[in-house]
Structures are given as structure tokens and as C-alpha cells.
Protein backbone atom coordinates (compact mmCIF):
# COMPACT_ATOMS: atom_id res chain seq x y z
CA MET A 1 9.12 -77.68 -1.78
CA ASN A 2 5.59 -76.75 -2.67
CA GLY A 3 3.67 -73.52 -2.86
CA THR A 4 1.29 -71.38 -5.11
CA TYR A 5 2.23 -68.61 -6.35
CA ALA A 6 0.32 -65.71 -7.89
CA ALA A 7 1.04 -62.59 -9.43
CA THR A 8 -0.16 -59.98 -11.69
CA THR A 9 1.32 -57.04 -13.58
CA TYR A 10 0.39 -53.38 -13.57
CA ASP A 11 -1.16 -52.56 -17.19
CA PRO A 12 -0.71 -48.80 -18.04
CA ALA A 13 -2.66 -48.80 -20.74
CA ARG A 14 -5.52 -50.50 -19.27
CA ALA A 15 -5.27 -48.24 -16.34
CA TYR A 16 -5.61 -45.21 -18.20
CA ALA A 17 -8.31 -46.70 -20.58
CA ALA A 18 -10.00 -47.46 -17.34
CA GLN A 19 -9.24 -44.19 -15.98
CA SER A 20 -10.51 -42.06 -19.12
CA LEU A 21 -13.49 -44.18 -19.41
CA ASN A 22 -14.27 -43.31 -15.58
CA ASN A 23 -13.24 -39.49 -16.28
CA ALA A 24 -15.74 -39.80 -19.12
CA GLN A 25 -18.70 -41.13 -17.20
CA THR A 26 -18.08 -38.58 -14.48
CA ALA A 27 -17.95 -35.57 -16.53
CA ALA A 28 -21.39 -36.48 -18.38
CA ASN A 29 -23.07 -36.99 -14.73
CA PHE A 30 -21.79 -33.57 -13.83
CA ALA A 31 -23.40 -32.14 -17.42
CA ALA A 32 -26.35 -33.71 -17.13
CA THR A 33 -27.13 -32.63 -13.60
CA GLU A 34 -26.22 -29.51 -14.26
CA ALA A 35 -28.24 -29.17 -17.27
CA GLN A 36 -31.28 -30.50 -15.38
CA GLY A 37 -30.41 -27.85 -12.65
CA GLN A 38 -30.58 -25.17 -15.01
CA GLN A 39 -34.00 -26.02 -16.29
CA ARG A 40 -35.65 -26.32 -12.89
CA LEU A 41 -33.98 -22.90 -12.03
CA GLY A 42 -35.74 -21.65 -15.44
CA GLU A 43 -38.96 -22.88 -14.51
CA LEU A 44 -39.12 -21.62 -11.26
CA GLN A 45 -37.77 -17.95 -12.28
CA ASN A 46 -40.76 -18.22 -14.42
CA THR A 47 -43.43 -19.22 -12.08
CA ILE A 48 -42.56 -17.33 -8.99
CA LEU A 49 -42.79 -13.54 -8.06
CA LYS A 50 -39.06 -12.84 -6.48
CA ASP A 51 -39.13 -10.51 -3.47
CA ASN A 52 -36.83 -7.88 -5.41
CA THR A 53 -39.76 -7.81 -8.26
CA VAL A 54 -41.96 -5.55 -5.97
CA LEU A 55 -39.89 -2.78 -4.54
CA PRO A 56 -41.15 -0.75 -1.70
CA GLY A 57 -43.74 1.79 -2.90
CA GLU A 58 -44.56 -0.10 -6.19
CA TRP A 59 -47.15 -2.48 -7.31
CA ILE A 60 -48.64 -4.85 -9.38
CA GLY A 61 -52.20 -4.72 -10.87
CA GLY A 62 -53.86 -6.57 -13.43
CA ILE A 63 -57.53 -6.86 -14.64
CA VAL A 64 -59.81 -9.43 -13.98
CA VAL A 65 -62.94 -9.40 -16.27
CA LEU A 66 -66.19 -11.45 -15.66
CA ASP A 67 -69.33 -12.50 -17.63
CA ARG A 68 -72.63 -10.26 -16.03
CA PRO A 69 -74.15 -12.64 -13.59
CA ALA A 70 -77.64 -13.46 -13.38
CA LYS A 71 -80.00 -11.17 -11.22
CA ALA A 72 -81.99 -12.12 -8.43
CA ALA A 73 -85.74 -11.58 -8.33
CA ASP A 74 -85.09 -7.92 -6.41
CA GLY A 75 -82.71 -6.65 -8.99
CA VAL A 76 -79.55 -7.70 -7.23
CA ALA A 77 -76.37 -9.86 -8.64
CA ARG A 78 -74.99 -11.77 -6.21
CA TYR A 79 -71.47 -14.14 -6.90
CA GLN A 80 -68.76 -15.10 -5.21
CA ILE A 81 -65.03 -14.87 -6.37
CA ASP A 82 -62.32 -17.37 -5.32
CA VAL A 83 -58.93 -16.05 -5.43
CA LEU A 84 -56.16 -19.10 -4.65
CA PHE A 85 -52.67 -17.58 -3.35
CA GLY A 86 -50.62 -20.27 -2.71
CA ASP A 87 -52.48 -22.80 -0.79
CA GLU A 88 -54.90 -20.33 0.71
CA VAL A 89 -58.36 -19.68 -0.82
CA HIS A 90 -59.42 -16.26 -0.17
CA SER A 91 -62.96 -15.44 -1.07
CA PHE A 92 -65.02 -12.11 -1.89
CA ALA A 93 -68.58 -11.76 -1.86
CA VAL A 94 -70.06 -9.10 -4.14
CA ASN A 95 -73.64 -7.89 -4.19
CA GLN A 96 -74.00 -5.75 -7.37
CA ALA A 97 -76.88 -3.54 -7.76
CA ARG A 98 -77.95 -0.12 -9.68
CA GLY A 99 -77.97 2.65 -7.58
């Protein structure tokens, strides 16, 4: 009688070691993903104005200080202020003269 026989045996110690290694790698991946998510959330919170920051009837103000523009021959200072809101540019033409 001729034949081939192959057998494997279950090694619980190796199975446990492989499972432990896999669990540790999975936990490390989740921790890295959570840390990256927390960092990005922090960056977003510092760069956006939340819709609940300004309630109805409230406002946000500020001051813009500009250097004095040069006056033209007629004594009027003409300049333009460009303000970027998201992807939109809003331009304000200013003519400044003493009254």
C-alpha cells in the first residue's frame, strides 16, 4: 500500500501568540486613528466659526487698521479693500476726502 499522509497539529501557544500580536496591532491602529481624528477635530474647531457661536441678535465685530492712502491731485484718496470669505472675494471701493 502506497500513499501520502500529511498532518498538522494545533498548537494553542502559537495560536494565542498570533492572536495576541493581532490584537495588539489592531489596538495600536485604532489608537492612531483616534489620535489623528482628535487632532484634526481640534484643528477644525480652531479654524471655523460654528453656527451656534453667534446667536440671533448677536454680532461679531472687529477693527481693521489701514495705513493712510496717498491722495490724488484732487485731494481725494482712492483705494480698494478686498475681503476673502471662503472662495469669494468681496471688493469695497473707498473714496476718502475731507468735507
